[in-house]
Amino acid sequence: MGDLIYKIVTRGQWHDAQAAGLFSGAPIDHADGYIHFSSAHQLRETAGRHFGGQEDLLLVTVDAAKLGDALKWETSRGGDLFPHLYAPLSFDAITEVTPLRLDASGEHVFDEEIPR
């Protein structure tokens, strides 16, 4: 499946996570009972579908191998397997947190290291 998975969060959600010492999820995660992540090839569609045109976002990059058995790959959108974490996200699994900016057309801009 790949070693890195991604979570898009608001700066407010990230601030709360830093204060708590772990990330317990966004409102949609709490409603569904797990933290939603995307693989690299799912990330652009997730951003457009769920965060289209939204500013003040961060991209959290996570080492999936550090999540253990709490990480499950489950069928979701279009029959694709998505990473779902059935536990809070510990900061020791996070490899990077970067701003997710918008281009002039309102599309999110991703680092070229993230494959399409």
PDB file of N, CA and C in Angstrom:
ATOM      1  N   MET A   1       0.800  -1.202   0.000  1.00  0.00           N
ATOM      2  CA  MET A   1       0.000   0.000   0.000  1.00  0.00           C
ATOM      3  C   MET A   1       0.843   1.267   0.000  1.00  0.00           C
ATOM      4  N   GLY A   2       2.083   1.160   0.416  1.00  0.00           N
ATOM      5  CA  GLY A   2       2.914   2.356   0.502  1.00  0.00           C
ATOM      6  C   GLY A   2       3.150   2.727   1.948  1.00  0.00           C
ATOM      7  N   ASP A   3       4.207   3.446   2.178  1.00  0.00           N
ATOM      8  CA  ASP A   3       4.595   3.754   3.553  1.00  0.00           C
ATOM      9  C   ASP A   3       3.964   5.019   4.108  1.00  0.00           C
ATOM     10  N   LEU A   4       3.614   5.982   3.241  1.00  0.00           N
ATOM     11  CA  LEU A   4       3.086   7.250   3.718  1.00  0.00           C
ATOM     12  C   LEU A   4       1.599   7.376   3.404  1.00  0.00           C
ATOM     13  N   ILE A   5       0.855   7.906   4.380  1.00  0.00           N
ATOM     14  CA  ILE A   5      -0.541   8.252   4.190  1.00  0.00           C
ATOM     15  C   ILE A   5      -0.717   9.696   4.630  1.00  0.00           C
ATOM     16  N   TYR A   6      -1.863  10.291   4.277  1.00  0.00           N
ATOM     17  CA  TYR A   6      -2.040  11.724   4.448  1.00  0.00           C
ATOM     18  C   TYR A   6      -3.388  12.064   5.070  1.00  0.00           C
ATOM     19  N   LYS A   7      -3.372  13.132   5.865  1.00  0.00           N
ATOM     20  CA  LYS A   7      -4.581  13.662   6.484  1.00  0.00           C
ATOM     21  C   LYS A   7      -4.597  15.165   6.251  1.00  0.00           C
ATOM     22  N   ILE A   8      -5.706  15.683   5.760  1.00  0.00           N
ATOM     23  CA  ILE A   8      -5.886  17.125   5.614  1.00  0.00           C
ATOM     24  C   ILE A   8      -6.666  17.610   6.826  1.00  0.00           C
ATOM     25  N   VAL A   9      -6.130  18.616   7.509  1.00  0.00           N
ATOM     26  CA  VAL A   9      -6.766  19.163   8.708  1.00  0.00           C
ATOM     27  C   VAL A   9      -6.775  20.678   8.637  1.00  0.00           C
ATOM     28  N   THR A  10      -7.663  21.279   9.401  1.00  0.00           N
ATOM     29  CA  THR A  10      -7.649  22.736   9.537  1.00  0.00           C
ATOM     30  C   THR A  10      -6.580  23.117  10.553  1.00  0.00           C
ATOM     31  N   ARG A  11      -6.141  24.346  10.480  1.00  0.00           N
ATOM     32  CA  ARG A  11      -5.161  24.817  11.472  1.00  0.00           C
ATOM     33  C   ARG A  11      -5.746  24.734  12.882  1.00  0.00           C
ATOM     34  N   GLY A  12      -7.032  25.009  13.017  1.00  0.00           N
ATOM     35  CA  GLY A  12      -7.685  24.918  14.325  1.00  0.00           C
ATOM     36  C   GLY A  12      -7.666  23.506  14.877  1.00  0.00           C
ATOM     37  N   GLN A  13      -7.978  22.532  14.033  1.00  0.00           N
ATOM     38  CA  GLN A  13      -7.928  21.132  14.463  1.00  0.00           C
ATOM     39  C   GLN A  13      -6.516  20.746  14.878  1.00  0.00           C
ATOM     40  N   TRP A  14      -5.521  21.236  14.139  1.00  0.00           N
ATOM     41  CA  TRP A  14      -4.138  20.895  14.459  1.00  0.00           C
ATOM     42  C   TRP A  14      -3.708  21.563  15.765  1.00  0.00           C
ATOM     43  N   HIS A  15      -4.131  22.790  15.963  1.00  0.00           N
ATOM     44  CA  HIS A  15      -3.827  23.497  17.219  1.00  0.00           C
ATOM     45  C   HIS A  15      -4.398  22.715  18.400  1.00  0.00           C
ATOM     46  N   ASP A  16      -5.640  22.251  18.264  1.00  0.00           N
ATOM     47  CA  ASP A  16      -6.265  21.460  19.336  1.00  0.00           C
ATOM     48  C   ASP A  16      -5.494  20.161  19.577  1.00  0.00           C
ATOM     49  N   ALA A  17      -5.042  19.529  18.497  1.00  0.00           N
ATOM     50  CA  ALA A  17      -4.281  18.284  18.629  1.00  0.00           C
ATOM     51  C   ALA A  17      -2.966  18.535  19.357  1.00  0.00           C
ATOM     52  N   GLN A  18      -2.298  19.613  19.019  1.00  0.00           N
ATOM     53  CA  GLN A  18      -1.033  19.932  19.690  1.00  0.00           C
ATOM     54  C   GLN A  18      -1.266  20.166  21.182  1.00  0.00           C
ATOM     55  N   ALA A  19      -2.356  20.839  21.517  1.00  0.00           N
ATOM     56  CA  ALA A  19      -2.668  21.084  22.929  1.00  0.00           C
ATOM     57  C   ALA A  19      -2.972  19.785  23.666  1.00  0.00           C
ATOM     58  N   ALA A  20      -3.609  18.832  22.968  1.00  0.00           N
ATOM     59  CA  ALA A  20      -3.988  17.554  23.578  1.00  0.00           C
ATOM     60  C   ALA A  20      -2.843  16.540  23.573  1.00  0.00           C
ATOM     61  N   GLY A  21      -1.855  16.730  22.710  1.00  0.00           N
ATOM     62  CA  GLY A  21      -0.744  15.795  22.628  1.00  0.00           C
ATOM     63  C   GLY A  21      -0.972  14.645  21.673  1.00  0.00           C
ATOM     64  N   LEU A  22      -2.114  14.637  20.967  1.00  0.00           N
ATOM     65  CA  LEU A  22      -2.419  13.657  19.933  1.00  0.00           C
ATOM     66  C   LEU A  22      -3.596  14.164  19.132  1.00  0.00           C
ATOM     67  N   PHE A  23      -3.788  13.580  17.957  1.00  0.00           N
ATOM     68  CA  PHE A  23      -4.899  13.974  17.097  1.00  0.00           C
ATOM     69  C   PHE A  23      -5.980  12.906  17.177  1.00  0.00           C
ATOM     70  N   SER A  24      -7.153  13.297  17.675  1.00  0.00           N
ATOM     71  CA  SER A  24      -8.244  12.328  17.820  1.00  0.00           C
ATOM     72  C   SER A  24      -9.212  12.359  16.637  1.00  0.00           C
ATOM     73  N   GLY A  25      -8.987  13.269  15.693  1.00  0.00           N
ATOM     74  CA  GLY A  25      -9.811  13.296  14.496  1.00  0.00           C
ATOM     75  C   GLY A  25     -10.597  14.576  14.330  1.00  0.00           C
ATOM     76  N   ALA A  26     -11.080  14.754  13.111  1.00  0.00           N
ATOM     77  CA  ALA A  26     -11.966  15.853  12.750  1.00  0.00           C
ATOM     78  C   ALA A  26     -13.402  15.424  13.045  1.00  0.00           C
ATOM     79  N   PRO A  27     -14.353  16.344  12.969  1.00  0.00           N
ATOM     80  CA  PRO A  27     -15.753  15.957  13.232  1.00  0.00           C
ATOM     81  C   PRO A  27     -16.236  14.759  12.408  1.00  0.00           C
ATOM     82  N   ILE A  28     -15.872  14.676  11.129  1.00  0.00           N
ATOM     83  CA  ILE A  28     -16.291  13.536  10.306  1.00  0.00           C
ATOM     84  C   ILE A  28     -15.688  12.232  10.826  1.00  0.00           C
ATOM     85  N   ASP A  29     -14.466  12.314  11.344  1.00  0.00           N
ATOM     86  CA  ASP A  29     -13.815  11.125  11.900  1.00  0.00           C
ATOM     87  C   ASP A  29     -14.551  10.655  13.151  1.00  0.00           C
ATOM     88  N   HIS A  30     -14.912  11.588  14.005  1.00  0.00           N
ATOM     89  CA  HIS A  30     -15.645  11.235  15.229  1.00  0.00           C
ATOM     90  C   HIS A  30     -16.983  10.594  14.871  1.00  0.00           C
ATOM     91  N   ALA A  31     -17.658  11.138  13.857  1.00  0.00           N
ATOM     92  CA  ALA A  31     -18.964  10.599  13.446  1.00  0.00           C
ATOM     93  C   ALA A  31     -18.832   9.182  12.891  1.00  0.00           C
ATOM     94  N   ASP A  32     -17.745   8.909  12.162  1.00  0.00           N
ATOM     95  CA  ASP A  32     -17.574   7.608  11.520  1.00  0.00           C
ATOM     96  C   ASP A  32     -16.873   6.574  12.395  1.00  0.00           C
ATOM     97  N   GLY A  33     -16.230   7.018  13.471  1.00  0.00           N
ATOM     98  CA  GLY A  33     -15.588   6.085  14.393  1.00  0.00           C
ATOM     99  C   GLY A  33     -14.151   5.720  14.046  1.00  0.00           C
ATOM    100  N   TYR A  34     -13.558   6.445  13.107  1.00  0.00           N
ATOM    101  CA  TYR A  34     -12.157   6.229  12.742  1.00  0.00           C
ATOM    102  C   TYR A  34     -11.639   7.499  12.070  1.00  0.00           C
ATOM    103  N   ILE A  35     -10.318   7.624  12.003  1.00  0.00           N
ATOM    104  CA  ILE A  35      -9.711   8.773  11.337  1.00  0.00           C
ATOM    105  C   ILE A  35      -9.488   8.421   9.872  1.00  0.00           C
ATOM    106  N   HIS A  36     -10.054   9.240   9.000  1.00  0.00           N
ATOM    107  CA  HIS A  36      -9.911   9.070   7.554  1.00  0.00           C
ATOM    108  C   HIS A  36      -8.539   9.555   7.100  1.00  0.00           C
ATOM    109  N   PHE A  37      -7.873   8.758   6.277  1.00  0.00           N
ATOM    110  CA  PHE A  37      -6.629   9.151   5.628  1.00  0.00           C
ATOM    111  C   PHE A  37      -6.764   8.885   4.136  1.00  0.00           C
ATOM    112  N   SER A  38      -5.808   9.377   3.379  1.00  0.00           N
ATOM    113  CA  SER A  38      -5.722   9.091   1.948  1.00  0.00           C
ATOM    114  C   SER A  38      -4.312   8.627   1.630  1.00  0.00           C
ATOM    115  N   SER A  39      -4.218   7.762   0.641  1.00  0.00           N
ATOM    116  CA  SER A  39      -2.907   7.424   0.099  1.00  0.00           C
ATOM    117  C   SER A  39      -2.519   8.552  -0.852  1.00  0.00           C
ATOM    118  N   ALA A  40      -1.294   8.508  -1.364  1.00  0.00           N
ATOM    119  CA  ALA A  40      -0.829   9.565  -2.258  1.00  0.00           C
ATOM    120  C   ALA A  40      -1.721   9.693  -3.493  1.00  0.00           C
ATOM    121  N   HIS A  41      -2.112   8.573  -4.095  1.00  0.00           N
ATOM    122  CA  HIS A  41      -2.902   8.667  -5.327  1.00  0.00           C
ATOM    123  C   HIS A  41      -4.352   9.080  -5.067  1.00  0.00           C
ATOM    124  N   GLN A  42      -4.811   9.039  -3.825  1.00  0.00           N
ATOM    125  CA  GLN A  42      -6.174   9.446  -3.472  1.00  0.00           C
ATOM    126  C   GLN A  42      -6.249  10.899  -3.004  1.00  0.00           C
ATOM    127  N   LEU A  43      -5.110  11.479  -2.697  1.00  0.00           N
ATOM    128  CA  LEU A  43      -5.061  12.760  -1.998  1.00  0.00           C
ATOM    129  C   LEU A  43      -5.692  13.915  -2.765  1.00  0.00           C
ATOM    130  N   ARG A  44      -5.400  14.046  -4.040  1.00  0.00           N
ATOM    131  CA  ARG A  44      -5.939  15.166  -4.810  1.00  0.00           C
ATOM    132  C   ARG A  44      -7.465  15.102  -4.894  1.00  0.00           C
ATOM    133  N   GLU A  45      -8.001  13.919  -5.112  1.00  0.00           N
ATOM    134  CA  GLU A  45      -9.458  13.784  -5.180  1.00  0.00           C
ATOM    135  C   GLU A  45     -10.089  14.083  -3.823  1.00  0.00           C
ATOM    136  N   THR A  46      -9.484  13.619  -2.758  1.00  0.00           N
ATOM    137  CA  THR A  46      -9.996  13.904  -1.411  1.00  0.00           C
ATOM    138  C   THR A  46     -10.017  15.405  -1.161  1.00  0.00           C
ATOM    139  N   ALA A  47      -8.935  16.083  -1.521  1.00  0.00           N
ATOM    140  CA  ALA A  47      -8.859  17.537  -1.310  1.00  0.00           C
ATOM    141  C   ALA A  47      -9.955  18.248  -2.085  1.00  0.00           C
ATOM    142  N   GLY A  48     -10.122  17.898  -3.351  1.00  0.00           N
ATOM    143  CA  GLY A  48     -11.139  18.549  -4.168  1.00  0.00           C
ATOM    144  C   GLY A  48     -12.556  18.253  -3.724  1.00  0.00           C
ATOM    145  N   ARG A  49     -12.803  17.027  -3.323  1.00  0.00           N
ATOM    146  CA  ARG A  49     -14.148  16.594  -2.945  1.00  0.00           C
ATOM    147  C   ARG A  49     -14.576  17.133  -1.578  1.00  0.00           C
ATOM    148  N   HIS A  50     -13.667  17.129  -0.630  1.00  0.00           N
ATOM    149  CA  HIS A  50     -14.030  17.463   0.744  1.00  0.00           C
ATOM    150  C   HIS A  50     -13.512  18.812   1.232  1.00  0.00           C
ATOM    151  N   PHE A  51     -12.545  19.398   0.515  1.00  0.00           N
ATOM    152  CA  PHE A  51     -11.929  20.647   0.977  1.00  0.00           C
ATOM    153  C   PHE A  51     -11.804  21.666  -0.148  1.00  0.00           C
ATOM    154  N   GLY A  52     -12.573  21.510  -1.216  1.00  0.00           N
ATOM    155  CA  GLY A  52     -12.466  22.371  -2.385  1.00  0.00           C
ATOM    156  C   GLY A  52     -12.514  23.856  -2.042  1.00  0.00           C
ATOM    157  N   GLY A  53     -11.489  24.589  -2.459  1.00  0.00           N
ATOM    158  CA  GLY A  53     -11.427  26.026  -2.263  1.00  0.00           C
ATOM    159  C   GLY A  53     -11.166  26.479  -0.834  1.00  0.00           C
ATOM    160  N   GLN A  54     -11.034  25.542   0.089  1.00  0.00           N
ATOM    161  CA  GLN A  54     -10.863  25.887   1.502  1.00  0.00           C
ATOM    162  C   GLN A  54      -9.417  26.277   1.788  1.00  0.00           C
ATOM    163  N   GLU A  55      -9.246  27.381   2.498  1.00  0.00           N
ATOM    164  CA  GLU A  55      -7.927  27.850   2.897  1.00  0.00           C
ATOM    165  C   GLU A  55      -7.641  27.430   4.329  1.00  0.00           C
ATOM    166  N   ASP A  56      -6.453  27.764   4.787  1.00  0.00           N
ATOM    167  CA  ASP A  56      -6.050  27.533   6.177  1.00  0.00           C
ATOM    168  C   ASP A  56      -6.012  26.049   6.535  1.00  0.00           C
ATOM    169  N   LEU A  57      -5.534  25.250   5.578  1.00  0.00           N
ATOM    170  CA  LEU A  57      -5.432  23.805   5.788  1.00  0.00           C
ATOM    171  C   LEU A  57      -3.975  23.383   5.919  1.00  0.00           C
ATOM    172  N   LEU A  58      -3.779  22.253   6.565  1.00  0.00           N
ATOM    173  CA  LEU A  58      -2.462  21.642   6.693  1.00  0.00           C
ATOM    174  C   LEU A  58      -2.528  20.222   6.154  1.00  0.00           C
ATOM    175  N   LEU A  59      -1.419  19.780   5.588  1.00  0.00           N
ATOM    176  CA  LEU A  59      -1.289  18.408   5.134  1.00  0.00           C
ATOM    177  C   LEU A  59      -0.374  17.678   6.114  1.00  0.00           C
ATOM    178  N   VAL A  60      -0.936  16.667   6.765  1.00  0.00           N
ATOM    179  CA  VAL A  60      -0.192  15.874   7.743  1.00  0.00           C
ATOM    180  C   VAL A  60       0.235  14.581   7.054  1.00  0.00           C
ATOM    181  N   THR A  61       1.549  14.353   7.012  1.00  0.00           N
ATOM    182  CA  THR A  61       2.107  13.150   6.403  1.00  0.00           C
ATOM    183  C   THR A  61       2.448  12.173   7.521  1.00  0.00           C
ATOM    184  N   VAL A  62       2.005  10.930   7.357  1.00  0.00           N
ATOM    185  CA  VAL A  62       2.109   9.934   8.419  1.00  0.00           C
ATOM    186  C   VAL A  62       2.801   8.673   7.898  1.00  0.00           C
ATOM    187  N   ASP A  63       3.681   8.127   8.710  1.00  0.00           N
ATOM    188  CA  ASP A  63       4.335   6.848   8.432  1.00  0.00           C
ATOM    189  C   ASP A  63       3.365   5.742   8.836  1.00  0.00           C
ATOM    190  N   ALA A  64       2.737   5.126   7.855  1.00  0.00           N
ATOM    191  CA  ALA A  64       1.704   4.122   8.116  1.00  0.00           C
ATOM    192  C   ALA A  64       2.226   2.944   8.932  1.00  0.00           C
ATOM    193  N   ALA A  65       3.491   2.605   8.769  1.00  0.00           N
ATOM    194  CA  ALA A  65       4.057   1.459   9.481  1.00  0.00           C
ATOM    195  C   ALA A  65       4.059   1.666  10.996  1.00  0.00           C
ATOM    196  N   LYS A  66       4.029   2.900  11.443  1.00  0.00           N
ATOM    197  CA  LYS A  66       4.057   3.189  12.875  1.00  0.00           C
ATOM    198  C   LYS A  66       2.668   3.135  13.524  1.00  0.00           C
ATOM    199  N   LEU A  67       1.643   2.859  12.733  1.00  0.00           N
ATOM    200  CA  LEU A  67       0.273   2.859  13.264  1.00  0.00           C
ATOM    201  C   LEU A  67      -0.198   1.486  13.724  1.00  0.00           C
ATOM    202  N   GLY A  68       0.518   0.451  13.362  1.00  0.00           N
ATOM    203  CA  GLY A  68       0.191  -0.890  13.831  1.00  0.00           C
ATOM    204  C   GLY A  68      -1.145  -1.407  13.337  1.00  0.00           C
ATOM    205  N   ASP A  69      -1.729  -2.287  14.138  1.00  0.00           N
ATOM    206  CA  ASP A  69      -2.977  -2.966  13.762  1.00  0.00           C
ATOM    207  C   ASP A  69      -4.195  -2.062  13.790  1.00  0.00           C
ATOM    208  N   ALA A  70      -4.074  -0.860  14.343  1.00  0.00           N
ATOM    209  CA  ALA A  70      -5.207   0.072  14.385  1.00  0.00           C
ATOM    210  C   ALA A  70      -5.501   0.667  13.006  1.00  0.00           C
ATOM    211  N   LEU A  71      -4.547   0.519  12.065  1.00  0.00           N
ATOM    212  CA  LEU A  71      -4.743   1.007  10.699  1.00  0.00           C
ATOM    213  C   LEU A  71      -5.328  -0.112   9.851  1.00  0.00           C
ATOM    214  N   LYS A  72      -6.459   0.167   9.248  1.00  0.00           N
ATOM    215  CA  LYS A  72      -7.142  -0.799   8.373  1.00  0.00           C
ATOM    216  C   LYS A  72      -7.323  -0.169   6.996  1.00  0.00           C
ATOM    217  N   TRP A  73      -7.102  -0.941   5.949  1.00  0.00           N
ATOM    218  CA  TRP A  73      -7.360  -0.508   4.580  1.00  0.00           C
ATOM    219  C   TRP A  73      -8.726  -1.059   4.203  1.00  0.00           C
ATOM    220  N   GLU A  74      -9.684  -0.155   3.997  1.00  0.00           N
ATOM    221  CA  GLU A  74     -11.069  -0.570   3.785  1.00  0.00           C
ATOM    222  C   GLU A  74     -11.640   0.045   2.509  1.00  0.00           C
ATOM    223  N   THR A  75     -12.538  -0.701   1.900  1.00  0.00           N
ATOM    224  CA  THR A  75     -13.176  -0.253   0.672  1.00  0.00           C
ATOM    225  C   THR A  75     -14.021   0.986   0.943  1.00  0.00           C
ATOM    226  N   SER A  76     -13.859   1.962   0.074  1.00  0.00           N
ATOM    227  CA  SER A  76     -14.616   3.205   0.190  1.00  0.00           C
ATOM    228  C   SER A  76     -14.897   3.710  -1.218  1.00  0.00           C
ATOM    229  N   ARG A  77     -14.737   5.010  -1.432  1.00  0.00           N
ATOM    230  CA  ARG A  77     -15.073   5.695  -2.672  1.00  0.00           C
ATOM    231  C   ARG A  77     -14.600   4.925  -3.906  1.00  0.00           C
ATOM    232  N   GLY A  78     -15.538   4.584  -4.763  1.00  0.00           N
ATOM    233  CA  GLY A  78     -15.214   3.922  -6.017  1.00  0.00           C
ATOM    234  C   GLY A  78     -14.611   2.538  -5.871  1.00  0.00           C
ATOM    235  N   GLY A  79     -14.784   1.911  -4.708  1.00  0.00           N
ATOM    236  CA  GLY A  79     -14.237   0.586  -4.483  1.00  0.00           C
ATOM    237  C   GLY A  79     -12.758   0.579  -4.130  1.00  0.00           C
ATOM    238  N   ASP A  80     -12.167   1.771  -4.017  1.00  0.00           N
ATOM    239  CA  ASP A  80     -10.751   1.886  -3.678  1.00  0.00           C
ATOM    240  C   ASP A  80     -10.545   1.603  -2.194  1.00  0.00           C
ATOM    241  N   LEU A  81      -9.374   1.090  -1.840  1.00  0.00           N
ATOM    242  CA  LEU A  81      -9.043   0.857  -0.436  1.00  0.00           C
ATOM    243  C   LEU A  81      -8.452   2.126   0.162  1.00  0.00           C
ATOM    244  N   PHE A  82      -9.055   2.597   1.250  1.00  0.00           N
ATOM    245  CA  PHE A  82      -8.600   3.795   1.948  1.00  0.00           C
ATOM    246  C   PHE A  82      -8.083   3.422   3.328  1.00  0.00           C
ATOM    247  N   PRO A  83      -7.070   4.138   3.813  1.00  0.00           N
ATOM    248  CA  PRO A  83      -6.546   3.891   5.158  1.00  0.00           C
ATOM    249  C   PRO A  83      -7.432   4.550   6.215  1.00  0.00           C
ATOM    250  N   HIS A  84      -7.871   3.763   7.179  1.00  0.00           N
ATOM    251  CA  HIS A  84      -8.692   4.235   8.297  1.00  0.00           C
ATOM    252  C   HIS A  84      -8.005   3.852   9.602  1.00  0.00           C
ATOM    253  N   LEU A  85      -7.846   4.811  10.489  1.00  0.00           N
ATOM    254  CA  LEU A  85      -7.174   4.563  11.764  1.00  0.00           C
ATOM    255  C   LEU A  85      -8.204   4.490  12.882  1.00  0.00           C
ATOM    256  N   TYR A  86      -8.261   3.355  13.554  1.00  0.00           N
ATOM    257  CA  TYR A  86      -9.200   3.124  14.645  1.00  0.00           C
ATOM    258  C   TYR A  86      -8.538   3.385  15.994  1.00  0.00           C
ATOM    259  N   ALA A  87      -7.886   4.516  16.105  1.00  0.00           N
ATOM    260  CA  ALA A  87      -7.209   4.956  17.329  1.00  0.00           C
ATOM    261  C   ALA A  87      -6.813   6.412  17.112  1.00  0.00           C
ATOM    262  N   PRO A  88      -6.493   7.126  18.173  1.00  0.00           N
ATOM    263  CA  PRO A  88      -5.953   8.480  17.980  1.00  0.00           C
ATOM    264  C   PRO A  88      -4.609   8.408  17.251  1.00  0.00           C
ATOM    265  N   LEU A  89      -4.275   9.477  16.552  1.00  0.00           N
ATOM    266  CA  LEU A  89      -3.004   9.566  15.848  1.00  0.00           C
ATOM    267  C   LEU A  89      -1.949  10.137  16.777  1.00  0.00           C
ATOM    268  N   SER A  90      -0.935   9.350  17.046  1.00  0.00           N
ATOM    269  CA  SER A  90       0.178   9.772  17.884  1.00  0.00           C
ATOM    270  C   SER A  90       1.163  10.587  17.049  1.00  0.00           C
ATOM    271  N   PHE A  91       1.719  11.617  17.644  1.00  0.00           N
ATOM    272  CA  PHE A  91       2.653  12.477  16.917  1.00  0.00           C
ATOM    273  C   PHE A  91       3.914  11.750  16.468  1.00  0.00           C
ATOM    274  N   ASP A  92       4.273  10.659  17.113  1.00  0.00           N
ATOM    275  CA  ASP A  92       5.507   9.966  16.708  1.00  0.00           C
ATOM    276  C   ASP A  92       5.375   9.291  15.346  1.00  0.00           C
ATOM    277  N   ALA A  93       4.164   9.147  14.821  1.00  0.00           N
ATOM    278  CA  ALA A  93       3.965   8.571  13.493  1.00  0.00           C
ATOM    279  C   ALA A  93       3.995   9.634  12.390  1.00  0.00           C
ATOM    280  N   ILE A  94       3.993  10.887  12.775  1.00  0.00           N
ATOM    281  CA  ILE A  94       3.928  11.993  11.813  1.00  0.00           C
ATOM    282  C   ILE A  94       5.331  12.323  11.324  1.00  0.00           C
ATOM    283  N   THR A  95       5.476  12.391  10.012  1.00  0.00           N
ATOM    284  CA  THR A  95       6.776  12.721   9.436  1.00  0.00           C
ATOM    285  C   THR A  95       6.876  14.180   9.025  1.00  0.00           C
ATOM    286  N   GLU A  96       5.734  14.814   8.739  1.00  0.00           N
ATOM    287  CA  GLU A  96       5.765  16.196   8.269  1.00  0.00           C
ATOM    288  C   GLU A  96       4.377  16.815   8.370  1.00  0.00           C
ATOM    289  N   VAL A  97       4.341  18.114   8.652  1.00  0.00           N
ATOM    290  CA  VAL A  97       3.107  18.897   8.607  1.00  0.00           C
ATOM    291  C   VAL A  97       3.422  20.145   7.797  1.00  0.00           C
ATOM    292  N   THR A  98       2.706  20.326   6.689  1.00  0.00           N
ATOM    293  CA  THR A  98       2.974  21.454   5.807  1.00  0.00           C
ATOM    294  C   THR A  98       1.684  22.180   5.451  1.00  0.00           C
ATOM    295  N   PRO A  99       1.766  23.486   5.202  1.00  0.00           N
ATOM    296  CA  PRO A  99       0.580  24.225   4.745  1.00  0.00           C
ATOM    297  C   PRO A  99       0.117  23.695   3.389  1.00  0.00           C
ATOM    298  N   LEU A 100      -1.187  23.655   3.203  1.00  0.00           N
ATOM    299  CA  LEU A 100      -1.766  23.231   1.927  1.00  0.00           C
ATOM    300  C   LEU A 100      -2.362  24.479   1.289  1.00  0.00           C
ATOM    301  N   ARG A 101      -1.626  25.032   0.338  1.00  0.00           N
ATOM    302  CA  ARG A 101      -2.043  26.307  -0.240  1.00  0.00           C
ATOM    303  C   ARG A 101      -2.905  26.109  -1.481  1.00  0.00           C
ATOM    304  N   LEU A 102      -3.558  27.188  -1.883  1.00  0.00           N
ATOM    305  CA  LEU A 102      -4.386  27.198  -3.087  1.00  0.00           C
ATOM    306  C   LEU A 102      -3.664  27.940  -4.199  1.00  0.00           C
ATOM    307  N   ASP A 103      -3.867  27.490  -5.428  1.00  0.00           N
ATOM    308  CA  ASP A 103      -3.331  28.240  -6.567  1.00  0.00           C
ATOM    309  C   ASP A 103      -4.359  29.291  -6.987  1.00  0.00           C
ATOM    310  N   ALA A 104      -4.078  30.035  -8.045  1.00  0.00           N
ATOM    311  CA  ALA A 104      -4.948  31.125  -8.494  1.00  0.00           C
ATOM    312  C   ALA A 104      -6.343  30.647  -8.889  1.00  0.00           C
ATOM    313  N   SER A 105      -6.458  29.375  -9.285  1.00  0.00           N
ATOM    314  CA  SER A 105      -7.764  28.844  -9.684  1.00  0.00           C
ATOM    315  C   SER A 105      -8.539  28.226  -8.521  1.00  0.00           C
ATOM    316  N   GLY A 106      -7.959  28.264  -7.304  1.00  0.00           N
ATOM    317  CA  GLY A 106      -8.636  27.711  -6.138  1.00  0.00           C
ATOM    318  C   GLY A 106      -8.383  26.230  -5.913  1.00  0.00           C
ATOM    319  N   GLU A 107      -7.432  25.653  -6.664  1.00  0.00           N
ATOM    320  CA  GLU A 107      -7.070  24.245  -6.499  1.00  0.00           C
ATOM    321  C   GLU A 107      -5.942  24.128  -5.479  1.00  0.00           C
ATOM    322  N   HIS A 108      -5.958  23.075  -4.689  1.00  0.00           N
ATOM    323  CA  HIS A 108      -4.871  22.856  -3.738  1.00  0.00           C
ATOM    324  C   HIS A 108      -3.597  22.433  -4.479  1.00  0.00           C
ATOM    325  N   VAL A 109      -2.476  22.922  -3.978  1.00  0.00           N
ATOM    326  CA  VAL A 109      -1.184  22.656  -4.595  1.00  0.00           C
ATOM    327  C   VAL A 109      -0.439  21.629  -3.741  1.00  0.00           C
ATOM    328  N   PHE A 110      -0.052  20.521  -4.377  1.00  0.00           N
ATOM    329  CA  PHE A 110       0.665  19.461  -3.674  1.00  0.00           C
ATOM    330  C   PHE A 110       2.109  19.413  -4.153  1.00  0.00           C
ATOM    331  N   ASP A 111       2.985  19.022  -3.262  1.00  0.00           N
ATOM    332  CA  ASP A 111       4.395  18.841  -3.557  1.00  0.00           C
ATOM    333  C   ASP A 111       4.516  17.827  -4.690  1.00  0.00           C
ATOM    334  N   GLU A 112       5.438  18.059  -5.571  1.00  0.00           N
ATOM    335  CA  GLU A 112       5.610  17.140  -6.704  1.00  0.00           C
ATOM    336  C   GLU A 112       6.092  15.763  -6.265  1.00  0.00           C
ATOM    337  N   GLU A 113       6.556  15.637  -5.024  1.00  0.00           N
ATOM    338  CA  GLU A 113       6.980  14.332  -4.527  1.00  0.00           C
ATOM    339  C   GLU A 113       5.796  13.396  -4.287  1.00  0.00           C
ATOM    340  N   ILE A 114       4.594  13.957  -4.186  1.00  0.00           N
ATOM    341  CA  ILE A 114       3.395  13.145  -3.993  1.00  0.00           C
ATOM    342  C   ILE A 114       2.897  12.712  -5.366  1.00  0.00           C
ATOM    343  N   PRO A 115       2.951  11.416  -5.655  1.00  0.00           N
ATOM    344  CA  PRO A 115       2.553  10.959  -6.983  1.00  0.00           C
ATOM    345  C   PRO A 115       1.069  11.159  -7.236  1.00  0.00           C
ATOM    346  N   ARG A 116       0.715  11.245  -8.486  1.00  0.00           N
ATOM    347  CA  ARG A 116      -0.697  11.398  -8.882  1.00  0.00           C
ATOM    348  C   ARG A 116      -1.379  10.053  -8.904  1.00  0.00           C
TER     349      ARG A 116
END
